[in-house]
Amino acid sequence: QRRVHGGGRADVQWVALTDDKGNGLVCEWKGIRSIQTNGMQVNASRFSVKELDEAKHQYELPLSRNDRVQLHLDALMMGLGGDNSWQPVVHSEYYVRPGKYNYSITLYPVANTSTTIP
């Protein structure tokens, strides 16, 4: 069974990933035109999905990952499943239905702490 990713945040309007000098990247949510959403789903990790999937224990992860961050930006996420642990079925109102979705996420660099973030 595939592991779920921890630490995700929902309804995010913008996220900034910066170093200790304030240099980095800003991702700004512009929305989905066809449906009402409050923001994107964001997850940032120093480990890849593969590294997390392959590690059965925390000590099996690489010791130091200060050189990179893996950022996952999702326009839509299907709701959590079930009302109990023995029937993990997602309620129909929380399905992500097949279809075409037009959305926009703007990425732009930031340099030093004097840069204005949305």
PDB file of N, CA and C in Angstrom:
ATOM      1  N   GLN A   1       0.848  -1.181   0.000  1.00  0.00           N
ATOM      2  CA  GLN A   1       0.000   0.000   0.000  1.00  0.00           C
ATOM      3  C   GLN A   1       0.888   1.236   0.000  1.00  0.00           C
ATOM      4  N   ARG A   2       0.538   2.196  -0.837  1.00  0.00           N
ATOM      5  CA  ARG A   2       1.329   3.417  -0.977  1.00  0.00           C
ATOM      6  C   ARG A   2       1.150   4.325   0.238  1.00  0.00           C
ATOM      7  N   ARG A   3       2.250   4.871   0.671  1.00  0.00           N
ATOM      8  CA  ARG A   3       2.261   5.787   1.799  1.00  0.00           C
ATOM      9  C   ARG A   3       1.646   7.132   1.412  1.00  0.00           C
ATOM     10  N   VAL A   4       0.958   7.781   2.307  1.00  0.00           N
ATOM     11  CA  VAL A   4       0.439   9.117   2.035  1.00  0.00           C
ATOM     12  C   VAL A   4       1.509  10.135   2.411  1.00  0.00           C
ATOM     13  N   HIS A   5       1.424  11.294   1.824  1.00  0.00           N
ATOM     14  CA  HIS A   5       2.407  12.334   2.078  1.00  0.00           C
ATOM     15  C   HIS A   5       1.930  13.203   3.225  1.00  0.00           C
ATOM     16  N   GLY A   6       2.775  13.383   4.210  1.00  0.00           N
ATOM     17  CA  GLY A   6       2.406  14.172   5.370  1.00  0.00           C
ATOM     18  C   GLY A   6       2.792  15.622   5.209  1.00  0.00           C
ATOM     19  N   GLY A   7       2.161  16.467   5.981  1.00  0.00           N
ATOM     20  CA  GLY A   7       2.539  17.868   6.022  1.00  0.00           C
ATOM     21  C   GLY A   7       1.932  18.742   4.956  1.00  0.00           C
ATOM     22  N   GLY A   8       1.003  18.222   4.178  1.00  0.00           N
ATOM     23  CA  GLY A   8       0.368  19.027   3.142  1.00  0.00           C
ATOM     24  C   GLY A   8      -0.525  20.104   3.733  1.00  0.00           C
ATOM     25  N   ARG A   9      -0.687  21.166   2.998  1.00  0.00           N
ATOM     26  CA  ARG A   9      -1.559  22.274   3.410  1.00  0.00           C
ATOM     27  C   ARG A   9      -2.592  22.520   2.320  1.00  0.00           C
ATOM     28  N   ALA A  10      -3.814  22.778   2.705  1.00  0.00           N
ATOM     29  CA  ALA A  10      -4.902  23.013   1.758  1.00  0.00           C
ATOM     30  C   ALA A  10      -5.279  24.487   1.727  1.00  0.00           C
ATOM     31  N   ASP A  11      -5.951  24.883   0.641  1.00  0.00           N
ATOM     32  CA  ASP A  11      -6.457  26.248   0.469  1.00  0.00           C
ATOM     33  C   ASP A  11      -5.359  27.301   0.580  1.00  0.00           C
ATOM     34  N   VAL A  12      -4.215  27.017  -0.026  1.00  0.00           N
ATOM     35  CA  VAL A  12      -3.062  27.914   0.012  1.00  0.00           C
ATOM     36  C   VAL A  12      -3.163  28.910  -1.142  1.00  0.00           C
ATOM     37  N   GLN A  13      -3.073  30.191  -0.842  1.00  0.00           N
ATOM     38  CA  GLN A  13      -3.100  31.244  -1.862  1.00  0.00           C
ATOM     39  C   GLN A  13      -1.721  31.502  -2.449  1.00  0.00           C
ATOM     40  N   TRP A  14      -0.684  31.416  -1.626  1.00  0.00           N
ATOM     41  CA  TRP A  14       0.690  31.574  -2.083  1.00  0.00           C
ATOM     42  C   TRP A  14       1.623  30.899  -1.097  1.00  0.00           C
ATOM     43  N   VAL A  15       2.780  30.519  -1.606  1.00  0.00           N
ATOM     44  CA  VAL A  15       3.809  29.906  -0.768  1.00  0.00           C
ATOM     45  C   VAL A  15       5.162  30.424  -1.238  1.00  0.00           C
ATOM     46  N   ALA A  16       6.045  30.691  -0.283  1.00  0.00           N
ATOM     47  CA  ALA A  16       7.397  31.148  -0.600  1.00  0.00           C
ATOM     48  C   ALA A  16       8.397  30.168  -0.007  1.00  0.00           C
ATOM     49  N   LEU A  17       9.342  29.762  -0.821  1.00  0.00           N
ATOM     50  CA  LEU A  17      10.448  28.929  -0.366  1.00  0.00           C
ATOM     51  C   LEU A  17      11.706  29.763  -0.500  1.00  0.00           C
ATOM     52  N   THR A  18      12.314  30.108   0.633  1.00  0.00           N
ATOM     53  CA  THR A  18      13.477  30.988   0.600  1.00  0.00           C
ATOM     54  C   THR A  18      14.597  30.438   1.470  1.00  0.00           C
ATOM     55  N   ASP A  19      15.806  30.885   1.162  1.00  0.00           N
ATOM     56  CA  ASP A  19      16.937  30.539   2.006  1.00  0.00           C
ATOM     57  C   ASP A  19      17.052  31.562   3.133  1.00  0.00           C
ATOM     58  N   ASP A  20      18.117  31.454   3.923  1.00  0.00           N
ATOM     59  CA  ASP A  20      18.262  32.358   5.067  1.00  0.00           C
ATOM     60  C   ASP A  20      18.540  33.811   4.667  1.00  0.00           C
ATOM     61  N   LYS A  21      18.815  34.063   3.382  1.00  0.00           N
ATOM     62  CA  LYS A  21      19.024  35.436   2.905  1.00  0.00           C
ATOM     63  C   LYS A  21      17.781  36.002   2.232  1.00  0.00           C
ATOM     64  N   GLY A  22      16.703  35.220   2.173  1.00  0.00           N
ATOM     65  CA  GLY A  22      15.473  35.689   1.550  1.00  0.00           C
ATOM     66  C   GLY A  22      15.407  35.463   0.049  1.00  0.00           C
ATOM     67  N   ASN A  23      16.322  34.682  -0.493  1.00  0.00           N
ATOM     68  CA  ASN A  23      16.313  34.367  -1.928  1.00  0.00           C
ATOM     69  C   ASN A  23      15.549  33.066  -2.138  1.00  0.00           C
ATOM     70  N   GLY A  24      14.715  33.041  -3.177  1.00  0.00           N
ATOM     71  CA  GLY A  24      13.987  31.814  -3.419  1.00  0.00           C
ATOM     72  C   GLY A  24      12.921  31.937  -4.482  1.00  0.00           C
ATOM     73  N   LEU A  25      11.813  31.268  -4.241  1.00  0.00           N
ATOM     74  CA  LEU A  25      10.739  31.139  -5.215  1.00  0.00           C
ATOM     75  C   LEU A  25       9.394  31.371  -4.532  1.00  0.00           C
ATOM     76  N   VAL A  26       8.510  32.099  -5.218  1.00  0.00           N
ATOM     77  CA  VAL A  26       7.136  32.284  -4.756  1.00  0.00           C
ATOM     78  C   VAL A  26       6.208  31.629  -5.773  1.00  0.00           C
ATOM     79  N   CYS A  27       5.210  30.909  -5.284  1.00  0.00           N
ATOM     80  CA  CYS A  27       4.179  30.294  -6.121  1.00  0.00           C
ATOM     81  C   CYS A  27       2.852  30.903  -5.698  1.00  0.00           C
ATOM     82  N   GLU A  28       2.155  31.518  -6.650  1.00  0.00           N
ATOM     83  CA  GLU A  28       0.897  32.203  -6.348  1.00  0.00           C
ATOM     84  C   GLU A  28      -0.257  31.548  -7.099  1.00  0.00           C
ATOM     85  N   TRP A  29      -1.308  31.222  -6.383  1.00  0.00           N
ATOM     86  CA  TRP A  29      -2.508  30.574  -6.916  1.00  0.00           C
ATOM     87  C   TRP A  29      -3.402  31.596  -7.591  1.00  0.00           C
ATOM     88  N   LYS A  30      -3.827  31.287  -8.805  1.00  0.00           N
ATOM     89  CA  LYS A  30      -4.740  32.174  -9.533  1.00  0.00           C
ATOM     90  C   LYS A  30      -6.136  31.589  -9.659  1.00  0.00           C
ATOM     91  N   GLY A  31      -6.305  30.321  -9.327  1.00  0.00           N
ATOM     92  CA  GLY A  31      -7.642  29.736  -9.307  1.00  0.00           C
ATOM     93  C   GLY A  31      -7.985  28.865 -10.499  1.00  0.00           C
ATOM     94  N   ILE A  32      -9.108  28.168 -10.351  1.00  0.00           N
ATOM     95  CA  ILE A  32      -9.676  27.325 -11.399  1.00  0.00           C
ATOM     96  C   ILE A  32     -10.935  28.021 -11.886  1.00  0.00           C
ATOM     97  N   ARG A  33     -11.021  28.230 -13.186  1.00  0.00           N
ATOM     98  CA  ARG A  33     -12.150  28.979 -13.726  1.00  0.00           C
ATOM     99  C   ARG A  33     -13.473  28.227 -13.664  1.00  0.00           C
ATOM    100  N   SER A  34     -13.435  26.886 -13.745  1.00  0.00           N
ATOM    101  CA  SER A  34     -14.674  26.121 -13.879  1.00  0.00           C
ATOM    102  C   SER A  34     -15.341  25.774 -12.546  1.00  0.00           C
ATOM    103  N   ILE A  35     -14.621  25.846 -11.443  1.00  0.00           N
ATOM    104  CA  ILE A  35     -15.200  25.504 -10.138  1.00  0.00           C
ATOM    105  C   ILE A  35     -14.672  26.462  -9.075  1.00  0.00           C
ATOM    106  N   GLN A  36     -15.360  26.504  -7.964  1.00  0.00           N
ATOM    107  CA  GLN A  36     -14.959  27.357  -6.848  1.00  0.00           C
ATOM    108  C   GLN A  36     -13.939  26.624  -5.977  1.00  0.00           C
ATOM    109  N   THR A  37     -12.759  27.190  -5.837  1.00  0.00           N
ATOM    110  CA  THR A  37     -11.752  26.661  -4.918  1.00  0.00           C
ATOM    111  C   THR A  37     -11.180  27.814  -4.120  1.00  0.00           C
ATOM    112  N   ASN A  38     -10.630  27.498  -2.964  1.00  0.00           N
ATOM    113  CA  ASN A  38     -10.054  28.527  -2.107  1.00  0.00           C
ATOM    114  C   ASN A  38      -8.543  28.592  -2.200  1.00  0.00           C
ATOM    115  N   GLY A  39      -7.949  27.708  -2.972  1.00  0.00           N
ATOM    116  CA  GLY A  39      -6.497  27.690  -3.085  1.00  0.00           C
ATOM    117  C   GLY A  39      -6.007  26.339  -3.527  1.00  0.00           C
ATOM    118  N   MET A  40      -4.694  26.207  -3.576  1.00  0.00           N
ATOM    119  CA  MET A  40      -4.083  24.957  -4.010  1.00  0.00           C
ATOM    120  C   MET A  40      -3.666  24.120  -2.814  1.00  0.00           C
ATOM    121  N   GLN A  41      -3.382  22.857  -3.057  1.00  0.00           N
ATOM    122  CA  GLN A  41      -2.822  21.952  -2.065  1.00  0.00           C
ATOM    123  C   GLN A  41      -1.312  22.011  -2.226  1.00  0.00           C
ATOM    124  N   VAL A  42      -0.570  22.226  -1.144  1.00  0.00           N
ATOM    125  CA  VAL A  42       0.879  22.386  -1.197  1.00  0.00           C
ATOM    126  C   VAL A  42       1.545  21.410  -0.242  1.00  0.00           C
ATOM    127  N   ASN A  43       2.634  20.798  -0.727  1.00  0.00           N
ATOM    128  CA  ASN A  43       3.453  19.940   0.108  1.00  0.00           C
ATOM    129  C   ASN A  43       4.902  20.195  -0.260  1.00  0.00           C
ATOM    130  N   ALA A  44       5.740  20.455   0.714  1.00  0.00           N
ATOM    131  CA  ALA A  44       7.173  20.644   0.498  1.00  0.00           C
ATOM    132  C   ALA A  44       7.925  19.632   1.355  1.00  0.00           C
ATOM    133  N   SER A  45       8.929  18.995   0.759  1.00  0.00           N
ATOM    134  CA  SER A  45       9.685  17.968   1.470  1.00  0.00           C
ATOM    135  C   SER A  45      11.131  17.974   1.012  1.00  0.00           C
ATOM    136  N   ARG A  46      12.022  17.633   1.897  1.00  0.00           N
ATOM    137  CA  ARG A  46      13.425  17.484   1.522  1.00  0.00           C
ATOM    138  C   ARG A  46      13.683  16.105   0.915  1.00  0.00           C
ATOM    139  N   PHE A  47      12.683  15.241   0.924  1.00  0.00           N
ATOM    140  CA  PHE A  47      12.823  13.890   0.395  1.00  0.00           C
ATOM    141  C   PHE A  47      11.912  13.704  -0.809  1.00  0.00           C
ATOM    142  N   SER A  48      12.354  12.890  -1.764  1.00  0.00           N
ATOM    143  CA  SER A  48      11.534  12.603  -2.935  1.00  0.00           C
ATOM    144  C   SER A  48      10.425  11.623  -2.557  1.00  0.00           C
ATOM    145  N   VAL A  49       9.420  11.540  -3.405  1.00  0.00           N
ATOM    146  CA  VAL A  49       8.338  10.579  -3.191  1.00  0.00           C
ATOM    147  C   VAL A  49       8.916   9.171  -3.167  1.00  0.00           C
ATOM    148  N   LYS A  50       9.857   8.893  -4.055  1.00  0.00           N
ATOM    149  CA  LYS A  50      10.493   7.571  -4.107  1.00  0.00           C
ATOM    150  C   LYS A  50      11.210   7.262  -2.796  1.00  0.00           C
ATOM    151  N   GLU A  51      11.983   8.220  -2.275  1.00  0.00           N
ATOM    152  CA  GLU A  51      12.691   8.001  -1.008  1.00  0.00           C
ATOM    153  C   GLU A  51      11.710   7.718   0.131  1.00  0.00           C
ATOM    154  N   LEU A  52      10.615   8.453   0.174  1.00  0.00           N
ATOM    155  CA  LEU A  52       9.613   8.231   1.222  1.00  0.00           C
ATOM    156  C   LEU A  52       8.916   6.891   1.055  1.00  0.00           C
ATOM    157  N   ASP A  53       8.624   6.506  -0.190  1.00  0.00           N
ATOM    158  CA  ASP A  53       7.961   5.221  -0.443  1.00  0.00           C
ATOM    159  C   ASP A  53       8.848   4.035  -0.081  1.00  0.00           C
ATOM    160  N   GLU A  54      10.153   4.162  -0.354  1.00  0.00           N
ATOM    161  CA  GLU A  54      11.064   3.043  -0.128  1.00  0.00           C
ATOM    162  C   GLU A  54      11.498   2.894   1.325  1.00  0.00           C
ATOM    163  N   ALA A  55      11.460   3.952   2.109  1.00  0.00           N
ATOM    164  CA  ALA A  55      11.886   3.892   3.510  1.00  0.00           C
ATOM    165  C   ALA A  55      10.761   3.336   4.377  1.00  0.00           C
ATOM    166  N   LYS A  56      11.062   2.280   5.068  1.00  0.00           N
ATOM    167  CA  LYS A  56      10.070   1.720   5.999  1.00  0.00           C
ATOM    168  C   LYS A  56      10.191   2.377   7.380  1.00  0.00           C
ATOM    169  N   HIS A  57      11.358   2.964   7.641  1.00  0.00           N
ATOM    170  CA  HIS A  57      11.620   3.623   8.919  1.00  0.00           C
ATOM    171  C   HIS A  57      12.329   4.943   8.643  1.00  0.00           C
ATOM    172  N   GLN A  58      12.183   5.874   9.554  1.00  0.00           N
ATOM    173  CA  GLN A  58      12.778   7.199   9.384  1.00  0.00           C
ATOM    174  C   GLN A  58      14.292   7.129   9.228  1.00  0.00           C
ATOM    175  N   TYR A  59      14.962   6.229   9.938  1.00  0.00           N
ATOM    176  CA  TYR A  59      16.414   6.146   9.853  1.00  0.00           C
ATOM    177  C   TYR A  59      16.897   5.670   8.480  1.00  0.00           C
ATOM    178  N   GLU A  60      15.999   5.164   7.633  1.00  0.00           N
ATOM    179  CA  GLU A  60      16.374   4.736   6.285  1.00  0.00           C
ATOM    180  C   GLU A  60      16.383   5.895   5.270  1.00  0.00           C
ATOM    181  N   LEU A  61      15.940   7.067   5.700  1.00  0.00           N
ATOM    182  CA  LEU A  61      15.981   8.244   4.833  1.00  0.00           C
ATOM    183  C   LEU A  61      17.390   8.834   4.831  1.00  0.00           C
ATOM    184  N   PRO A  62      17.790   9.511   3.756  1.00  0.00           N
ATOM    185  CA  PRO A  62      19.121  10.149   3.722  1.00  0.00           C
ATOM    186  C   PRO A  62      19.293  11.104   4.897  1.00  0.00           C
ATOM    187  N   LEU A  63      20.496  11.160   5.436  1.00  0.00           N
ATOM    188  CA  LEU A  63      20.747  11.970   6.626  1.00  0.00           C
ATOM    189  C   LEU A  63      20.610  13.464   6.373  1.00  0.00           C
ATOM    190  N   SER A  64      21.151  13.946   5.290  1.00  0.00           N
ATOM    191  CA  SER A  64      21.154  15.390   5.055  1.00  0.00           C
ATOM    192  C   SER A  64      20.578  15.695   3.684  1.00  0.00           C
ATOM    193  N   ARG A  65      19.579  16.555   3.647  1.00  0.00           N
ATOM    194  CA  ARG A  65      18.966  16.980   2.392  1.00  0.00           C
ATOM    195  C   ARG A  65      18.762  18.487   2.430  1.00  0.00           C
ATOM    196  N   ASN A  66      19.803  19.234   2.753  1.00  0.00           N
ATOM    197  CA  ASN A  66      19.680  20.693   2.825  1.00  0.00           C
ATOM    198  C   ASN A  66      19.860  21.373   1.478  1.00  0.00           C
ATOM    199  N   ASP A  67      20.212  20.602   0.437  1.00  0.00           N
ATOM    200  CA  ASP A  67      20.507  21.190  -0.858  1.00  0.00           C
ATOM    201  C   ASP A  67      19.288  21.284  -1.770  1.00  0.00           C
ATOM    202  N   ARG A  68      18.148  20.749  -1.356  1.00  0.00           N
ATOM    203  CA  ARG A  68      16.984  20.755  -2.245  1.00  0.00           C
ATOM    204  C   ARG A  68      15.678  20.659  -1.453  1.00  0.00           C
ATOM    205  N   VAL A  69      14.618  21.092  -2.112  1.00  0.00           N
ATOM    206  CA  VAL A  69      13.269  20.930  -1.581  1.00  0.00           C
ATOM    207  C   VAL A  69      12.395  20.485  -2.745  1.00  0.00           C
ATOM    208  N   GLN A  70      11.623  19.445  -2.541  1.00  0.00           N
ATOM    209  CA  GLN A  70      10.669  19.006  -3.556  1.00  0.00           C
ATOM    210  C   GLN A  70       9.328  19.641  -3.206  1.00  0.00           C
ATOM    211  N   LEU A  71       8.787  20.387  -4.156  1.00  0.00           N
ATOM    212  CA  LEU A  71       7.540  21.113  -3.951  1.00  0.00           C
ATOM    213  C   LEU A  71       6.458  20.503  -4.835  1.00  0.00           C
ATOM    214  N   HIS A  72       5.338  20.151  -4.218  1.00  0.00           N
ATOM    215  CA  HIS A  72       4.196  19.608  -4.948  1.00  0.00           C
ATOM    216  C   HIS A  72       3.051  20.609  -4.838  1.00  0.00           C
ATOM    217  N   LEU A  73       2.551  21.051  -5.997  1.00  0.00           N
ATOM    218  CA  LEU A  73       1.431  21.981  -6.067  1.00  0.00           C
ATOM    219  C   LEU A  73       0.295  21.266  -6.784  1.00  0.00           C
ATOM    220  N   ASP A  74      -0.826  21.105  -6.122  1.00  0.00           N
ATOM    221  CA  ASP A  74      -1.969  20.409  -6.710  1.00  0.00           C
ATOM    222  C   ASP A  74      -3.156  21.342  -6.791  1.00  0.00           C
ATOM    223  N   ALA A  75      -3.772  21.396  -7.969  1.00  0.00           N
ATOM    224  CA  ALA A  75      -4.948  22.238  -8.162  1.00  0.00           C
ATOM    225  C   ALA A  75      -6.146  21.668  -7.425  1.00  0.00           C
ATOM    226  N   LEU A  76      -6.295  20.349  -7.440  1.00  0.00           N
ATOM    227  CA  LEU A  76      -7.420  19.676  -6.778  1.00  0.00           C
ATOM    228  C   LEU A  76      -6.928  18.443  -6.052  1.00  0.00           C
ATOM    229  N   MET A  77      -7.543  18.136  -4.938  1.00  0.00           N
ATOM    230  CA  MET A  77      -7.247  16.910  -4.196  1.00  0.00           C
ATOM    231  C   MET A  77      -8.570  16.251  -3.846  1.00  0.00           C
ATOM    232  N   MET A  78      -8.627  14.931  -4.038  1.00  0.00           N
ATOM    233  CA  MET A  78      -9.832  14.205  -3.657  1.00  0.00           C
ATOM    234  C   MET A  78      -9.883  14.110  -2.144  1.00  0.00           C
ATOM    235  N   GLY A  79     -11.077  14.195  -1.593  1.00  0.00           N
ATOM    236  CA  GLY A  79     -11.253  14.180  -0.148  1.00  0.00           C
ATOM    237  C   GLY A  79     -10.788  12.900   0.503  1.00  0.00           C
ATOM    238  N   LEU A  80     -10.607  12.964   1.805  1.00  0.00           N
ATOM    239  CA  LEU A  80     -10.238  11.778   2.569  1.00  0.00           C
ATOM    240  C   LEU A  80     -11.379  10.784   2.542  1.00  0.00           C
ATOM    241  N   GLY A  81     -11.047   9.531   2.705  1.00  0.00           N
ATOM    242  CA  GLY A  81     -12.055   8.497   2.568  1.00  0.00           C
ATOM    243  C   GLY A  81     -12.648   8.046   3.883  1.00  0.00           C
ATOM    244  N   GLY A  82     -13.921   7.734   3.815  1.00  0.00           N
ATOM    245  CA  GLY A  82     -14.584   6.984   4.858  1.00  0.00           C
ATOM    246  C   GLY A  82     -14.978   7.715   6.113  1.00  0.00           C
ATOM    247  N   ASP A  83     -15.942   7.102   6.752  1.00  0.00           N
ATOM    248  CA  ASP A  83     -16.398   7.563   8.061  1.00  0.00           C
ATOM    249  C   ASP A  83     -15.843   6.666   9.158  1.00  0.00           C
ATOM    250  N   ASN A  84     -15.189   5.585   8.750  1.00  0.00           N
ATOM    251  CA  ASN A  84     -14.622   4.643   9.702  1.00  0.00           C
ATOM    252  C   ASN A  84     -13.409   3.975   9.053  1.00  0.00           C
ATOM    253  N   SER A  85     -12.654   3.207   9.803  1.00  0.00           N
ATOM    254  CA  SER A  85     -11.421   2.616   9.286  1.00  0.00           C
ATOM    255  C   SER A  85     -11.650   1.379   8.428  1.00  0.00           C
ATOM    256  N   TRP A  86     -12.795   0.757   8.500  1.00  0.00           N
ATOM    257  CA  TRP A  86     -13.019  -0.472   7.743  1.00  0.00           C
ATOM    258  C   TRP A  86     -13.721  -0.242   6.409  1.00  0.00           C
ATOM    259  N   GLN A  87     -14.180   0.967   6.129  1.00  0.00           N
ATOM    260  CA  GLN A  87     -14.791   1.306   4.846  1.00  0.00           C
ATOM    261  C   GLN A  87     -14.262   2.650   4.358  1.00  0.00           C
ATOM    262  N   PRO A  88     -13.020   2.669   3.845  1.00  0.00           N
ATOM    263  CA  PRO A  88     -12.454   3.951   3.409  1.00  0.00           C
ATOM    264  C   PRO A  88     -12.994   4.392   2.048  1.00  0.00           C
ATOM    265  N   VAL A  89     -14.253   4.748   2.009  1.00  0.00           N
ATOM    266  CA  VAL A  89     -14.904   5.168   0.775  1.00  0.00           C
ATOM    267  C   VAL A  89     -15.119   6.680   0.824  1.00  0.00           C
ATOM    268  N   VAL A  90     -14.676   7.353  -0.219  1.00  0.00           N
ATOM    269  CA  VAL A  90     -14.820   8.806  -0.284  1.00  0.00           C
ATOM    270  C   VAL A  90     -16.272   9.150  -0.606  1.00  0.00           C
ATOM    271  N   HIS A  91     -16.828  10.107   0.103  1.00  0.00           N
ATOM    272  CA  HIS A  91     -18.178  10.584  -0.186  1.00  0.00           C
ATOM    273  C   HIS A  91     -18.197  11.237  -1.565  1.00  0.00           C
ATOM    274  N   SER A  92     -19.262  11.046  -2.305  1.00  0.00           N
ATOM    275  CA  SER A  92     -19.331  11.495  -3.694  1.00  0.00           C
ATOM    276  C   SER A  92     -19.102  13.003  -3.851  1.00  0.00           C
ATOM    277  N   GLU A  93     -19.486  13.802  -2.874  1.00  0.00           N
ATOM    278  CA  GLU A  93     -19.287  15.253  -3.000  1.00  0.00           C
ATOM    279  C   GLU A  93     -17.808  15.655  -2.933  1.00  0.00           C
ATOM    280  N   TYR A  94     -16.940  14.726  -2.538  1.00  0.00           N
ATOM    281  CA  TYR A  94     -15.510  15.024  -2.443  1.00  0.00           C
ATOM    282  C   TYR A  94     -14.681  14.381  -3.557  1.00  0.00           C
ATOM    283  N   TYR A  95     -15.335  13.751  -4.536  1.00  0.00           N
ATOM    284  CA  TYR A  95     -14.625  13.208  -5.693  1.00  0.00           C
ATOM    285  C   TYR A  95     -14.085  14.339  -6.563  1.00  0.00           C
ATOM    286  N   VAL A  96     -12.957  14.093  -7.193  1.00  0.00           N
ATOM    287  CA  VAL A  96     -12.492  14.963  -8.262  1.00  0.00           C
ATOM    288  C   VAL A  96     -12.975  14.306  -9.543  1.00  0.00           C
ATOM    289  N   ARG A  97     -13.924  14.932 -10.182  1.00  0.00           N
ATOM    290  CA  ARG A  97     -14.548  14.373 -11.382  1.00  0.00           C
ATOM    291  C   ARG A  97     -13.641  14.543 -12.598  1.00  0.00           C
ATOM    292  N   PRO A  98     -13.655  13.556 -13.511  1.00  0.00           N
ATOM    293  CA  PRO A  98     -12.888  13.704 -14.750  1.00  0.00           C
ATOM    294  C   PRO A  98     -13.386  14.910 -15.539  1.00  0.00           C
ATOM    295  N   GLY A  99     -12.499  15.577 -16.200  1.00  0.00           N
ATOM    296  CA  GLY A  99     -12.869  16.732 -17.012  1.00  0.00           C
ATOM    297  C   GLY A  99     -11.687  17.629 -17.253  1.00  0.00           C
ATOM    298  N   LYS A 100     -11.919  18.697 -17.965  1.00  0.00           N
ATOM    299  CA  LYS A 100     -10.881  19.685 -18.223  1.00  0.00           C
ATOM    300  C   LYS A 100     -11.001  20.799 -17.199  1.00  0.00           C
ATOM    301  N   TYR A 101      -9.882  21.120 -16.569  1.00  0.00           N
ATOM    302  CA  TYR A 101      -9.834  22.190 -15.581  1.00  0.00           C
ATOM    303  C   TYR A 101      -8.781  23.194 -16.022  1.00  0.00           C
ATOM    304  N   ASN A 102      -9.126  24.438 -16.079  1.00  0.00           N
ATOM    305  CA  ASN A 102      -8.181  25.501 -16.417  1.00  0.00           C
ATOM    306  C   ASN A 102      -7.812  26.241 -15.148  1.00  0.00           C
ATOM    307  N   TYR A 103      -6.539  26.207 -14.803  1.00  0.00           N
ATOM    308  CA  TYR A 103      -6.077  26.881 -13.604  1.00  0.00           C
ATOM    309  C   TYR A 103      -4.753  27.570 -13.895  1.00  0.00           C
ATOM    310  N   SER A 104      -4.362  28.415 -12.987  1.00  0.00           N
ATOM    311  CA  SER A 104      -3.131  29.158 -13.177  1.00  0.00           C
ATOM    312  C   SER A 104      -2.380  29.253 -11.852  1.00  0.00           C
ATOM    313  N   ILE A 105      -1.094  28.946 -11.920  1.00  0.00           N
ATOM    314  CA  ILE A 105      -0.187  29.123 -10.795  1.00  0.00           C
ATOM    315  C   ILE A 105       0.999  29.911 -11.334  1.00  0.00           C
ATOM    316  N   THR A 106       1.287  31.050 -10.730  1.00  0.00           N
ATOM    317  CA  THR A 106       2.398  31.884 -11.170  1.00  0.00           C
ATOM    318  C   THR A 106       3.609  31.608 -10.285  1.00  0.00           C
ATOM    319  N   LEU A 107       4.748  31.365 -10.919  1.00  0.00           N
ATOM    320  CA  LEU A 107       6.005  31.152 -10.212  1.00  0.00           C
ATOM    321  C   LEU A 107       6.918  32.334 -10.510  1.00  0.00           C
ATOM    322  N   TYR A 108       7.503  32.894  -9.468  1.00  0.00           N
ATOM    323  CA  TYR A 108       8.470  33.956  -9.719  1.00  0.00           C
ATOM    324  C   TYR A 108       9.543  33.963  -8.643  1.00  0.00           C
ATOM    325  N   PRO A 109      10.762  34.367  -9.043  1.00  0.00           N
ATOM    326  CA  PRO A 109      11.871  34.377  -8.093  1.00  0.00           C
ATOM    327  C   PRO A 109      11.769  35.579  -7.158  1.00  0.00           C
ATOM    328  N   VAL A 110      12.311  35.416  -5.980  1.00  0.00           N
ATOM    329  CA  VAL A 110      12.451  36.539  -5.059  1.00  0.00           C
ATOM    330  C   VAL A 110      13.913  36.635  -4.662  1.00  0.00           C
ATOM    331  N   ALA A 111      14.385  37.855  -4.510  1.00  0.00           N
ATOM    332  CA  ALA A 111      15.781  38.081  -4.121  1.00  0.00           C
ATOM    333  C   ALA A 111      15.802  38.994  -2.914  1.00  0.00           C
ATOM    334  N   ASN A 112      16.387  38.567  -1.864  1.00  0.00           N
ATOM    335  CA  ASN A 112      16.549  39.241  -0.559  1.00  0.00           C
ATOM    336  C   ASN A 112      15.211  39.554   0.089  1.00  0.00           C
ATOM    337  N   THR A 113      15.240  39.899   1.329  1.00  0.00           N
ATOM    338  CA  THR A 113      14.017  40.099   2.103  1.00  0.00           C
ATOM    339  C   THR A 113      13.273  41.379   1.768  1.00  0.00           C
ATOM    340  N   SER A 114      13.847  42.237   0.932  1.00  0.00           N
ATOM    341  CA  SER A 114      13.144  43.478   0.590  1.00  0.00           C
ATOM    342  C   SER A 114      12.075  43.248  -0.484  1.00  0.00           C
ATOM    343  N   THR A 115      12.034  42.069  -1.102  1.00  0.00           N
ATOM    344  CA  THR A 115      11.045  41.760  -2.114  1.00  0.00           C
ATOM    345  C   THR A 115       9.675  41.620  -1.467  1.00  0.00           C
ATOM    346  N   THR A 116       8.660  42.226  -2.071  1.00  0.00           N
ATOM    347  CA  THR A 116       7.308  42.131  -1.549  1.00  0.00           C
ATOM    348  C   THR A 116       6.690  40.815  -2.000  1.00  0.00           C
ATOM    349  N   ILE A 117       6.188  40.058  -1.053  1.00  0.00           N
ATOM    350  CA  ILE A 117       5.498  38.798  -1.338  1.00  0.00           C
ATOM    351  C   ILE A 117       4.011  39.069  -1.213  1.00  0.00           C
ATOM    352  N   PRO A 118       3.218  38.449  -2.121  1.00  0.00           N
ATOM    353  CA  PRO A 118       1.776  38.762  -2.188  1.00  0.00           C
ATOM    354  C   PRO A 118       1.172  38.916  -0.877  1.00  0.00           C
TER     355      PRO A 118
END
